[in-house]
Amino acid sequence: MVLAKKLLCKGQRNWPYVVAPVVIVSLLCVCYLDSVMAPTGLVGGILPFGLGIVPRTAEAGSLPLEPPPLPPVIVDQLQLESAVTEDGSLVQKLDDGQKAVYSIHPGLQKKARSILDEAELLSGSLVLVDSRTGEILAMADTGTPLTDDGLDRPEDVMLPASLAAEAPAASVFKVVTSSALIEMAEISPDQEVCFWGGSQKLKLANLEDDPALDNECATLSFALGMSLNSVFAKLADRHLDPEKLASEASAFGFGEPLPLDYPQSAEISTMDIPVDRLEFARTAAGFWHVHMTPLHAAFIAQSIAQDGAMLRPILVSRVQDAAGQTVWESSPHWLRKTVSKQTASVVAKMMINTTTKGTARKYFKDGKGKAYLPGIKVAGKTGTLTRQEPYRAYTWFVGFAPADDPVVAVAALAVNTPKWKVKATAMARDLLVHYFKKLEQLEEKSTSDDAGAQPDA
């Protein structure tokens, strides 16, 4: 009995030495999980701000999931067309003497509108966003989108092209398919596939290996840059299924609302992943069944630029009262995790092929081979698809720059008749050229190293 009491007393004295290491190790594990899994992991889902112990920069979870709401009474008054330029910002006067200061920069907006006016499109949009904060720097439109059945929209459902999901995602959807192949099927970007045909139309025969016809071979990385339909169709047919592809598309925000503090909400980008073998393969390659808004397209590119973390769109930077005091101010907030940091890095490198040796290469160098953006690599993806009745030729470009240290993401949509003047890639390039030229001028005039500085002209 005496011995038992001595052992008990000894155990009581030593318990801190046993428990403390377990607690410390558990906390370190929690911190690790918080740093790599937030906001979609278990810890990040519970603690979206993070524990504040593990330092993070562009990792999802380092910012809160929900921003302070912009009062509905202010949202209802917002109207971009009523805003004017004041001190280099786009400002709209509200009731009670208040002012809404938009994130949109007047000079960039003016340039975007000029590009669209010169394009003479049936419908089109240009969207430029700060890939680090989610601020919309330009969002310009021309013409009117159609309804899903190809008819003109009635007045009560009229939307600016940037917020309408009428346009098919086309080959831009290959970004989603690439992500699914890399993340879910563990396909290497260097995996080679031999193929034939498929540039205009995919058939069941294109899904089968045929040594007699497969006269071309390409890696997944090169296939994204060149937008090779047969490669994506074959890989999706063998390594994905409708459920997996739909899951990846959902992670990128298809089928989900894209929040925007504005009276007109952005339409939901839609997807209908077929179960039929051929139609599934065609969808994975970018043939119909998926539609998206230009605003959403810009944030798809933004998420790849930001290590797979999609930001919440910011349209209003702040609200000031009659005395000029700020009464509400926006801040960056994560919206969703699209892909892992590793997958985003791989896809970003693949997207550089589009502008250096792929479908957009001729748009980023002039006739003499001189780069339109010297010293700046652009990661991008083009898309082209044509509707016959009524005839509509859709072209897309989404991307971000600089590819190695992204500052902005862009989306351009051009809807043309058979007699087209310009494609979306040229519009996106011109806006990027203008942005970086003005940014360079701004940096030359200032010694400030503020990473968030934006050109106002």
Protein backbone atom coordinates (compact mmCIF):
# COMPACT_ATOMS: atom_id res chain seq x y z
CA MET A 1 0.00 0.00 0.00
CA VAL A 2 2.82 2.36 0.90
CA LEU A 3 4.61 1.42 -2.31
CA ALA A 4 1.50 2.14 -4.33
CA LYS A 5 1.18 5.60 -2.77
CA LYS A 6 4.83 6.35 -3.57
CA LEU A 7 4.34 5.35 -7.21
CA LEU A 8 1.19 7.45 -7.43
CA CYS A 9 2.94 10.49 -6.00
CA LYS A 10 5.86 9.98 -8.35
CA GLY A 11 3.48 9.74 -11.33
CA GLN A 12 1.74 12.94 -10.29
CA ARG A 13 5.09 14.73 -10.15
CA ASN A 14 6.20 13.44 -13.61
CA TRP A 15 2.99 13.82 -15.59
CA PRO A 16 3.99 17.22 -17.08
CA TYR A 17 7.07 15.62 -18.64
CA VAL A 18 4.89 13.02 -20.32
CA VAL A 19 1.98 15.22 -21.42
CA ALA A 20 3.90 18.34 -22.50
CA PRO A 21 5.74 16.70 -25.45
CA VAL A 22 2.47 15.21 -26.69
CA VAL A 23 0.76 18.61 -26.55
CA ILE A 24 3.66 20.34 -28.32
CA VAL A 25 3.79 17.76 -31.10
CA SER A 26 0.01 17.96 -31.53
CA LEU A 27 0.15 21.76 -31.84
CA LEU A 28 2.91 21.53 -34.44
CA CYS A 29 0.83 19.06 -36.44
CA VAL A 30 -2.18 21.37 -36.28
CA CYS A 31 -0.04 24.31 -37.43
CA TYR A 32 1.28 22.27 -40.34
CA LEU A 33 -2.21 21.22 -41.39
CA ASP A 34 -3.37 24.81 -41.09
CA SER A 35 -0.61 26.01 -43.39
CA VAL A 36 -1.11 23.49 -46.18
CA MET A 37 -4.80 22.66 -46.11
CA ALA A 38 -6.61 25.94 -45.43
CA PRO A 39 -9.17 26.94 -46.43
CA THR A 40 -10.38 23.62 -47.83
CA GLY A 41 -8.76 21.39 -45.25
CA LEU A 42 -10.16 20.44 -41.87
CA VAL A 43 -8.27 23.09 -39.92
CA GLY A 44 -8.65 25.79 -42.55
CA GLY A 45 -12.38 25.16 -42.70
CA ILE A 46 -12.69 25.77 -38.98
CA LEU A 47 -10.11 28.55 -38.67
CA PRO A 48 -10.13 30.46 -41.98
CA PHE A 49 -7.85 33.16 -40.59
CA GLY A 50 -5.17 30.59 -39.77
CA LEU A 51 -3.54 30.19 -36.41
CA GLY A 52 -1.13 33.05 -37.01
CA ILE A 53 1.82 30.83 -36.07
CA VAL A 54 2.96 29.55 -39.44
CA PRO A 55 3.84 32.48 -41.75
CA ARG A 56 2.14 32.42 -45.15
CA THR A 57 2.10 34.76 -48.12
CA ALA A 58 -0.06 33.69 -51.05
CA GLU A 59 -1.41 30.57 -49.35
CA ALA A 60 -5.16 30.11 -49.20
CA GLY A 61 -6.32 30.49 -45.65
CA SER A 62 -4.16 33.51 -44.82
CA LEU A 63 -7.16 35.75 -45.40
CA PRO A 64 -10.73 35.52 -44.06
CA LEU A 65 -13.36 33.80 -46.16
CA GLU A 66 -16.06 36.42 -45.70
CA PRO A 67 -15.51 40.16 -46.17
CA PRO A 68 -17.35 42.85 -44.21
CA PRO A 69 -20.55 43.27 -46.26
CA LEU A 70 -21.12 46.37 -48.32
CA PRO A 71 -24.49 47.70 -47.09
CA PRO A 72 -27.32 46.72 -49.48
CA VAL A 73 -28.56 50.32 -49.55
CA ILE A 74 -25.25 51.25 -51.20
CA VAL A 75 -25.10 48.21 -53.50
CA ASP A 76 -28.53 49.06 -54.89
CA GLN A 77 -27.29 52.52 -55.93
CA LEU A 78 -24.16 51.38 -57.75
CA GLN A 79 -24.05 52.23 -61.44
CA LEU A 80 -20.71 52.32 -63.22
CA GLU A 81 -22.08 54.52 -65.98
CA SER A 82 -22.76 57.26 -63.41
CA ALA A 83 -19.19 57.33 -62.07
CA VAL A 84 -16.78 60.13 -62.92
CA THR A 85 -13.03 60.54 -62.54
CA GLU A 86 -11.87 62.28 -59.38
CA ASP A 87 -8.22 62.42 -58.31
CA GLY A 88 -7.35 59.49 -60.54
CA SER A 89 -10.19 57.27 -59.28
CA LEU A 90 -13.60 56.34 -60.61
CA VAL A 91 -16.12 57.79 -58.18
CA GLN A 92 -19.91 57.70 -57.98
CA LYS A 93 -21.97 60.09 -55.86
CA LEU A 94 -24.54 58.33 -53.68
CA ASP A 95 -27.43 59.44 -51.52
CA ASP A 96 -26.74 61.46 -48.36
CA GLY A 97 -23.57 62.88 -49.88
CA GLN A 98 -21.67 59.60 -49.77
CA LYS A 99 -19.30 58.46 -52.52
CA ALA A 100 -18.42 55.00 -53.82
CA VAL A 101 -14.83 54.73 -55.01
CA TYR A 102 -14.50 51.90 -57.52
CA SER A 103 -11.50 49.62 -57.88
CA ILE A 104 -11.68 50.25 -61.63
CA HIS A 105 -9.01 52.61 -62.90
CA PRO A 106 -10.29 55.26 -65.31
CA GLY A 107 -7.41 55.02 -67.77
CA LEU A 108 -7.54 51.24 -67.99
CA GLN A 109 -11.31 51.31 -68.38
CA LYS A 110 -11.04 53.91 -71.14
CA LYS A 111 -8.44 51.81 -72.96
CA ALA A 112 -10.54 48.66 -72.66
CA ARG A 113 -13.56 50.44 -74.09
CA SER A 114 -11.46 51.85 -76.93
CA ILE A 115 -10.20 48.37 -77.82
CA LEU A 116 -13.74 47.02 -77.89
CA ASP A 117 -15.03 49.94 -79.97
CA GLU A 118 -12.33 49.41 -82.57
CA ALA A 119 -13.05 45.68 -82.72
CA GLU A 120 -16.61 46.21 -84.08
CA LEU A 121 -17.97 43.08 -82.39
CA LEU A 122 -21.46 41.67 -82.09
CA SER A 123 -20.69 41.26 -78.42
CA GLY A 124 -17.55 41.29 -76.33
CA SER A 125 -15.87 41.92 -73.03
CA LEU A 126 -12.52 42.82 -71.51
CA VAL A 127 -11.81 42.19 -67.83
CA LEU A 128 -8.55 42.98 -66.03
CA VAL A 129 -8.06 42.12 -62.36
CA ASP A 130 -5.29 42.46 -59.81
CA SER A 131 -4.32 38.81 -59.37
CA ARG A 132 -3.04 39.50 -55.83
CA THR A 133 -6.09 41.25 -54.38
CA GLY A 134 -9.09 40.43 -56.58
CA GLU A 135 -9.66 44.10 -57.44
CA ILE A 136 -11.33 44.60 -60.81
CA LEU A 137 -9.18 47.14 -62.64
CA ALA A 138 -11.22 47.21 -65.87
CA MET A 139 -14.53 45.66 -66.90
CA ALA A 140 -15.78 46.87 -70.25
CA ASP A 141 -18.44 45.53 -72.62
CA THR A 142 -19.81 46.00 -76.08
CA GLY A 143 -22.94 44.71 -77.79
CA THR A 144 -25.39 42.38 -76.07
CA PRO A 145 -25.11 38.66 -75.30
CA LEU A 146 -27.63 36.08 -76.42
CA THR A 147 -29.84 33.76 -74.42
CA ASP A 148 -28.80 30.12 -74.02
CA ASP A 149 -30.91 29.11 -77.02
CA GLY A 150 -29.15 31.58 -79.30
CA LEU A 151 -31.90 34.20 -79.35
CA ASP A 152 -31.55 37.86 -78.48
CA ARG A 153 -32.19 38.51 -74.81
CA PRO A 154 -35.42 40.26 -73.82
CA GLU A 155 -35.08 43.61 -72.08
CA ASP A 156 -35.79 42.23 -68.61
CA VAL A 157 -32.81 39.86 -68.72
CA MET A 158 -30.37 42.16 -70.46
CA LEU A 159 -26.88 41.87 -69.03
CA PRO A 160 -23.49 43.35 -69.87
CA ALA A 161 -21.35 40.79 -71.68
CA SER A 162 -18.91 40.58 -68.75
CA LEU A 163 -21.62 39.15 -66.50
CA ALA A 164 -23.42 36.93 -69.02
CA ALA A 165 -22.73 33.19 -69.26
CA GLU A 166 -24.01 32.73 -72.81
CA ALA A 167 -20.60 32.12 -74.41
CA PRO A 168 -19.25 28.56 -74.46
CA ALA A 169 -16.02 28.14 -72.51
CA ALA A 170 -14.51 26.44 -75.58
CA SER A 171 -10.86 25.41 -75.20
CA VAL A 172 -10.39 27.57 -72.13
CA PHE A 173 -11.99 24.57 -70.40
CA LYS A 174 -8.78 22.67 -71.17
CA VAL A 175 -7.30 24.49 -68.16
CA VAL A 176 -9.83 22.66 -65.98
CA THR A 177 -9.23 19.34 -67.76
CA SER A 178 -5.46 19.77 -67.42
CA SER A 179 -5.84 20.39 -63.71
CA ALA A 180 -8.00 17.29 -63.31
CA LEU A 181 -5.54 15.13 -65.25
CA ILE A 182 -2.60 16.35 -63.17
CA GLU A 183 -4.27 16.44 -59.76
CA MET A 184 -6.71 13.51 -59.94
CA ALA A 185 -5.09 11.16 -62.43
CA GLU A 186 -1.46 12.11 -61.66
CA ILE A 187 -0.68 12.56 -65.34
CA SER A 188 2.70 14.15 -65.97
CA PRO A 189 2.78 17.27 -68.17
CA ASP A 190 5.51 15.44 -70.10
CA GLN A 191 3.35 12.41 -70.86
CA GLU A 192 3.23 11.94 -74.61
CA VAL A 193 0.15 10.98 -76.61
CA CYS A 194 0.07 10.06 -80.28
CA PHE A 195 -2.99 11.05 -82.27
CA TRP A 196 -4.55 11.98 -85.58
CA GLY A 197 -7.19 14.53 -86.57
CA GLY A 198 -9.52 16.24 -84.14
CA SER A 199 -8.69 19.84 -84.95
CA GLN A 200 -12.25 20.66 -86.05
CA LYS A 201 -14.25 17.60 -85.09
CA LEU A 202 -13.79 14.64 -82.76
CA LYS A 203 -14.99 11.13 -83.59
CA LEU A 204 -14.93 7.90 -81.62
CA ALA A 205 -12.07 6.75 -83.82
CA ASN A 206 -9.96 9.62 -82.47
CA LEU A 207 -10.15 8.08 -78.99
CA GLU A 208 -8.49 4.83 -80.06
CA ASP A 209 -4.80 4.24 -80.73
CA ASP A 210 -4.16 3.56 -84.40
CA PRO A 211 -0.48 3.17 -85.40
CA ALA A 212 -1.44 3.54 -89.03
CA LEU A 213 -3.06 6.94 -88.49
CA ASP A 214 -1.39 8.35 -85.36
CA ASN A 215 1.22 10.36 -87.23
CA GLU A 216 1.64 13.06 -84.58
CA CYS A 217 2.66 12.93 -80.91
CA ALA A 218 2.60 15.62 -78.23
CA THR A 219 3.02 15.99 -74.50
CA LEU A 220 0.17 17.23 -72.33
CA SER A 221 2.06 20.48 -71.80
CA PHE A 222 2.53 21.10 -75.52
CA ALA A 223 -1.04 20.02 -76.21
CA LEU A 224 -2.38 22.75 -73.92
CA GLY A 225 -0.33 25.40 -75.70
CA MET A 226 -1.39 24.18 -79.12
CA SER A 227 -4.94 23.32 -77.94
CA LEU A 228 -4.78 19.80 -79.40
CA ASN A 229 -8.25 18.36 -79.02
CA SER A 230 -7.40 14.72 -79.67
CA VAL A 231 -4.75 14.63 -76.93
CA PHE A 232 -7.19 15.96 -74.33
CA ALA A 233 -9.97 13.71 -75.57
CA LYS A 234 -7.78 10.60 -75.33
CA LEU A 235 -6.40 11.42 -71.90
CA ALA A 236 -9.80 12.33 -70.46
CA ASP A 237 -11.36 9.18 -71.93
CA ARG A 238 -8.72 6.98 -70.28
CA HIS A 239 -8.02 8.70 -66.98
CA LEU A 240 -11.10 10.73 -66.02
CA ASP A 241 -14.84 10.25 -65.82
CA PRO A 242 -17.82 12.63 -65.73
CA GLU A 243 -17.86 12.71 -61.93
CA LYS A 244 -14.18 13.61 -61.64
CA LEU A 245 -14.32 16.27 -64.34
CA ALA A 246 -17.48 17.78 -62.84
CA SER A 247 -15.80 17.84 -59.44
CA GLU A 248 -12.80 19.71 -60.84
CA ALA A 249 -15.07 22.15 -62.68
CA SER A 250 -16.97 22.78 -59.44
CA ALA A 251 -13.69 23.54 -57.69
CA PHE A 252 -13.09 26.23 -60.33
CA GLY A 253 -16.52 27.73 -59.61
CA PHE A 254 -18.67 26.28 -62.39
CA GLY A 255 -22.20 25.84 -61.12
CA GLU A 256 -21.52 28.25 -58.26
CA PRO A 257 -22.37 31.98 -57.98
CA LEU A 258 -19.50 34.44 -58.26
CA PRO A 259 -20.21 37.10 -55.62
CA LEU A 260 -20.11 40.70 -56.77
CA ASP A 261 -21.22 43.83 -54.93
CA TYR A 262 -23.33 45.24 -57.75
CA PRO A 263 -27.08 45.40 -58.50
CA GLN A 264 -26.61 43.11 -61.51
CA SER A 265 -25.28 39.74 -60.40
CA ALA A 266 -22.99 37.73 -62.61
CA GLU A 267 -24.74 34.73 -64.14
CA ILE A 268 -23.60 31.34 -62.93
CA SER A 269 -21.12 29.68 -65.28
CA THR A 270 -22.79 26.42 -66.19
CA MET A 271 -21.62 22.89 -66.91
CA ASP A 272 -23.40 19.79 -68.10
CA ILE A 273 -20.81 17.00 -68.22
CA PRO A 274 -22.22 14.23 -70.47
CA VAL A 275 -21.98 10.55 -69.59
CA ASP A 276 -21.83 9.50 -73.25
CA ARG A 277 -18.25 8.49 -73.99
CA LEU A 278 -17.71 10.63 -77.06
CA GLU A 279 -19.57 13.68 -75.75
CA PHE A 280 -17.65 13.46 -72.49
CA ALA A 281 -14.33 13.41 -74.36
CA ARG A 282 -15.46 16.30 -76.56
CA THR A 283 -16.48 18.32 -73.49
CA ALA A 284 -13.10 17.71 -71.84
CA ALA A 285 -11.48 19.07 -75.00
CA GLY A 286 -13.67 22.18 -75.02
CA PHE A 287 -16.59 21.33 -77.32
CA TRP A 288 -19.76 22.84 -75.83
CA HIS A 289 -21.66 21.74 -72.68
CA VAL A 290 -19.84 24.38 -70.58
CA HIS A 291 -20.51 28.13 -70.53
CA MET A 292 -18.92 30.91 -68.51
CA THR A 293 -18.90 34.65 -67.91
CA PRO A 294 -15.83 36.73 -68.82
CA LEU A 295 -15.64 37.88 -65.19
CA HIS A 296 -15.43 34.26 -64.04
CA ALA A 297 -12.90 33.51 -66.78
CA ALA A 298 -10.61 36.24 -65.43
CA PHE A 299 -10.79 34.74 -61.95
CA ILE A 300 -10.05 31.25 -63.26
CA ALA A 301 -6.78 32.68 -64.57
CA GLN A 302 -6.32 34.62 -61.32
CA SER A 303 -6.60 31.42 -59.28
CA ILE A 304 -3.86 29.70 -61.28
CA ALA A 305 -1.72 32.82 -60.88
CA GLN A 306 -2.30 32.78 -57.10
CA ASP A 307 -1.24 29.18 -56.45
CA GLY A 308 -4.75 27.79 -56.87
CA ALA A 309 -6.55 30.24 -54.58
CA MET A 310 -9.44 32.12 -56.18
CA LEU A 311 -10.12 35.56 -54.70
CA ARG A 312 -13.46 37.25 -54.18
CA PRO A 313 -14.03 39.94 -56.86
CA ILE A 314 -13.72 43.51 -55.56
CA LEU A 315 -15.53 46.24 -57.50
CA VAL A 316 -15.85 48.95 -54.81
CA SER A 317 -12.65 49.88 -53.01
CA ARG A 318 -14.19 52.11 -50.36
CA VAL A 319 -17.14 54.31 -49.43
CA GLN A 320 -16.67 57.84 -48.14
CA ASP A 321 -19.09 60.05 -46.24
CA ALA A 322 -19.90 63.67 -47.07
CA ALA A 323 -16.83 64.82 -45.12
CA GLY A 324 -14.53 62.59 -47.14
CA GLN A 325 -13.98 60.09 -44.34
CA THR A 326 -13.83 56.40 -45.24
CA VAL A 327 -16.81 54.57 -43.70
CA TRP A 328 -16.30 51.23 -45.47
CA GLU A 329 -13.26 49.71 -47.14
CA SER A 330 -12.71 46.48 -49.06
CA SER A 331 -9.93 43.98 -48.44
CA PRO A 332 -8.75 40.81 -50.20
CA HIS A 333 -10.64 37.63 -49.31
CA TRP A 334 -10.29 34.05 -50.49
CA LEU A 335 -13.31 32.58 -52.22
CA ARG A 336 -12.27 28.99 -52.90
CA LYS A 337 -9.33 26.69 -53.47
CA THR A 338 -9.33 25.53 -57.10
CA VAL A 339 -6.26 23.29 -57.24
CA SER A 340 -3.21 22.56 -55.12
CA LYS A 341 -0.26 24.90 -55.22
CA GLN A 342 1.78 22.25 -57.02
CA THR A 343 -0.86 21.71 -59.72
CA ALA A 344 -1.31 25.45 -60.22
CA SER A 345 2.45 25.82 -60.72
CA VAL A 346 2.51 23.07 -63.34
CA VAL A 347 -0.53 24.41 -65.22
CA ALA A 348 0.92 27.94 -65.15
CA LYS A 349 4.09 26.72 -66.84
CA MET A 350 2.03 24.83 -69.40
CA MET A 351 0.04 27.97 -70.18
CA ILE A 352 3.23 29.83 -71.13
CA ASN A 353 3.43 27.52 -74.16
CA THR A 354 0.28 29.19 -75.51
CA THR A 355 2.00 32.55 -75.99
CA THR A 356 5.53 31.36 -76.81
CA LYS A 357 4.95 28.54 -79.29
CA GLY A 358 1.24 27.80 -79.29
CA THR A 359 -2.04 29.23 -80.54
CA ALA A 360 -1.31 32.80 -79.33
CA ARG A 361 2.36 33.06 -80.31
CA LYS A 362 1.80 35.28 -83.35
CA TYR A 363 -0.18 37.75 -81.24
CA PHE A 364 2.64 38.37 -78.77
CA LYS A 365 5.38 39.04 -81.34
CA ASP A 366 5.24 41.42 -84.30
CA GLY A 367 6.14 40.59 -87.88
CA LYS A 368 9.84 41.07 -87.12
CA GLY A 369 9.76 38.74 -84.14
CA LYS A 370 9.90 41.55 -81.57
CA ALA A 371 7.91 40.91 -78.40
CA TYR A 372 5.00 43.25 -77.67
CA LEU A 373 5.83 42.86 -73.98
CA PRO A 374 9.65 42.79 -73.80
CA GLY A 375 10.93 40.89 -70.80
CA ILE A 376 7.45 39.89 -69.67
CA LYS A 377 6.20 36.33 -70.11
CA VAL A 378 2.46 35.84 -70.41
CA ALA A 379 0.69 32.63 -69.43
CA GLY A 380 -2.54 32.13 -71.31
CA LYS A 381 -5.15 29.96 -72.96
CA THR A 382 -7.13 30.60 -76.11
CA GLY A 383 -10.55 29.27 -77.05
CA THR A 384 -12.47 29.20 -80.32
CA LEU A 385 -15.92 27.82 -81.08
CA THR A 386 -18.62 28.62 -83.63
CA ARG A 387 -22.40 28.49 -83.36
CA GLN A 388 -24.23 28.11 -86.67
CA GLU A 389 -27.81 29.25 -85.95
CA PRO A 390 -27.63 32.12 -85.47
CA TYR A 391 -24.01 32.37 -86.55
CA ARG A 392 -21.67 33.41 -83.77
CA ALA A 393 -17.89 33.00 -83.78
CA TYR A 394 -16.61 33.00 -80.20
CA THR A 395 -12.95 33.58 -79.38
CA TRP A 396 -11.42 33.74 -75.91
CA PHE A 397 -8.15 34.59 -74.27
CA VAL A 398 -7.54 34.21 -70.53
CA GLY A 399 -4.19 34.57 -68.84
CA PHE A 400 -1.93 36.40 -66.42
CA ALA A 401 1.35 38.28 -66.38
CA PRO A 402 4.18 38.32 -65.61
CA ALA A 403 3.98 34.54 -65.66
CA ASP A 404 6.76 34.11 -63.08
CA ASP A 405 5.42 36.76 -60.66
CA PRO A 406 1.79 37.50 -61.58
CA VAL A 407 0.39 40.98 -61.07
CA VAL A 408 -2.72 40.96 -63.25
CA ALA A 409 -5.08 38.42 -64.80
CA VAL A 410 -7.07 39.10 -67.95
CA ALA A 411 -10.05 37.69 -69.83
CA ALA A 412 -11.18 38.73 -73.29
CA LEU A 413 -14.22 37.53 -75.22
CA ALA A 414 -14.95 38.45 -78.83
CA VAL A 415 -18.18 37.41 -80.57
CA ASN A 416 -17.98 37.94 -84.33
CA THR A 417 -19.90 37.46 -87.55
CA PRO A 418 -18.27 35.54 -90.45
CA LYS A 419 -16.56 38.81 -91.38
CA TRP A 420 -14.51 39.36 -88.24
CA LYS A 421 -12.01 42.10 -87.62
CA VAL A 422 -10.19 41.03 -84.45
CA LYS A 423 -9.93 38.06 -82.10
CA ALA A 424 -9.97 38.07 -78.31
CA THR A 425 -6.23 37.34 -78.05
CA ALA A 426 -5.31 40.61 -79.76
CA MET A 427 -7.66 42.55 -77.48
CA ALA A 428 -6.17 41.00 -74.34
CA ARG A 429 -2.64 41.65 -75.57
CA ASP A 430 -3.36 45.32 -76.27
CA LEU A 431 -4.79 45.83 -72.80
CA LEU A 432 -1.79 44.12 -71.19
CA VAL A 433 0.63 46.21 -73.25
CA HIS A 434 -1.15 49.39 -72.13
CA TYR A 435 -1.15 48.29 -68.49
CA PHE A 436 2.54 47.43 -68.29
CA LYS A 437 3.58 50.50 -70.26
CA LYS A 438 1.74 52.74 -67.82
CA LEU A 439 3.04 50.74 -64.87
CA GLU A 440 6.60 51.22 -66.14
CA GLN A 441 6.02 54.97 -66.47
CA LEU A 442 4.61 55.06 -62.95
CA GLU A 443 7.62 53.24 -61.54
CA GLU A 444 10.01 55.58 -63.33
CA LYS A 445 8.33 58.58 -61.70
CA SER A 446 8.31 57.15 -58.22
CA THR A 447 10.85 55.48 -55.98
CA SER A 448 8.09 53.82 -54.05
CA ASP A 449 8.26 50.03 -53.92
CA ASP A 450 4.60 49.64 -53.03
CA ALA A 451 3.67 46.27 -54.59
CA GLY A 452 0.05 47.34 -54.92
CA ALA A 453 0.69 50.44 -57.04
CA GLN A 454 -1.49 50.56 -60.16
CA PRO A 455 -1.37 52.85 -63.20
CA ASP A 456 -4.12 55.46 -63.27
CA ALA A 457 -3.72 56.50 -66.90
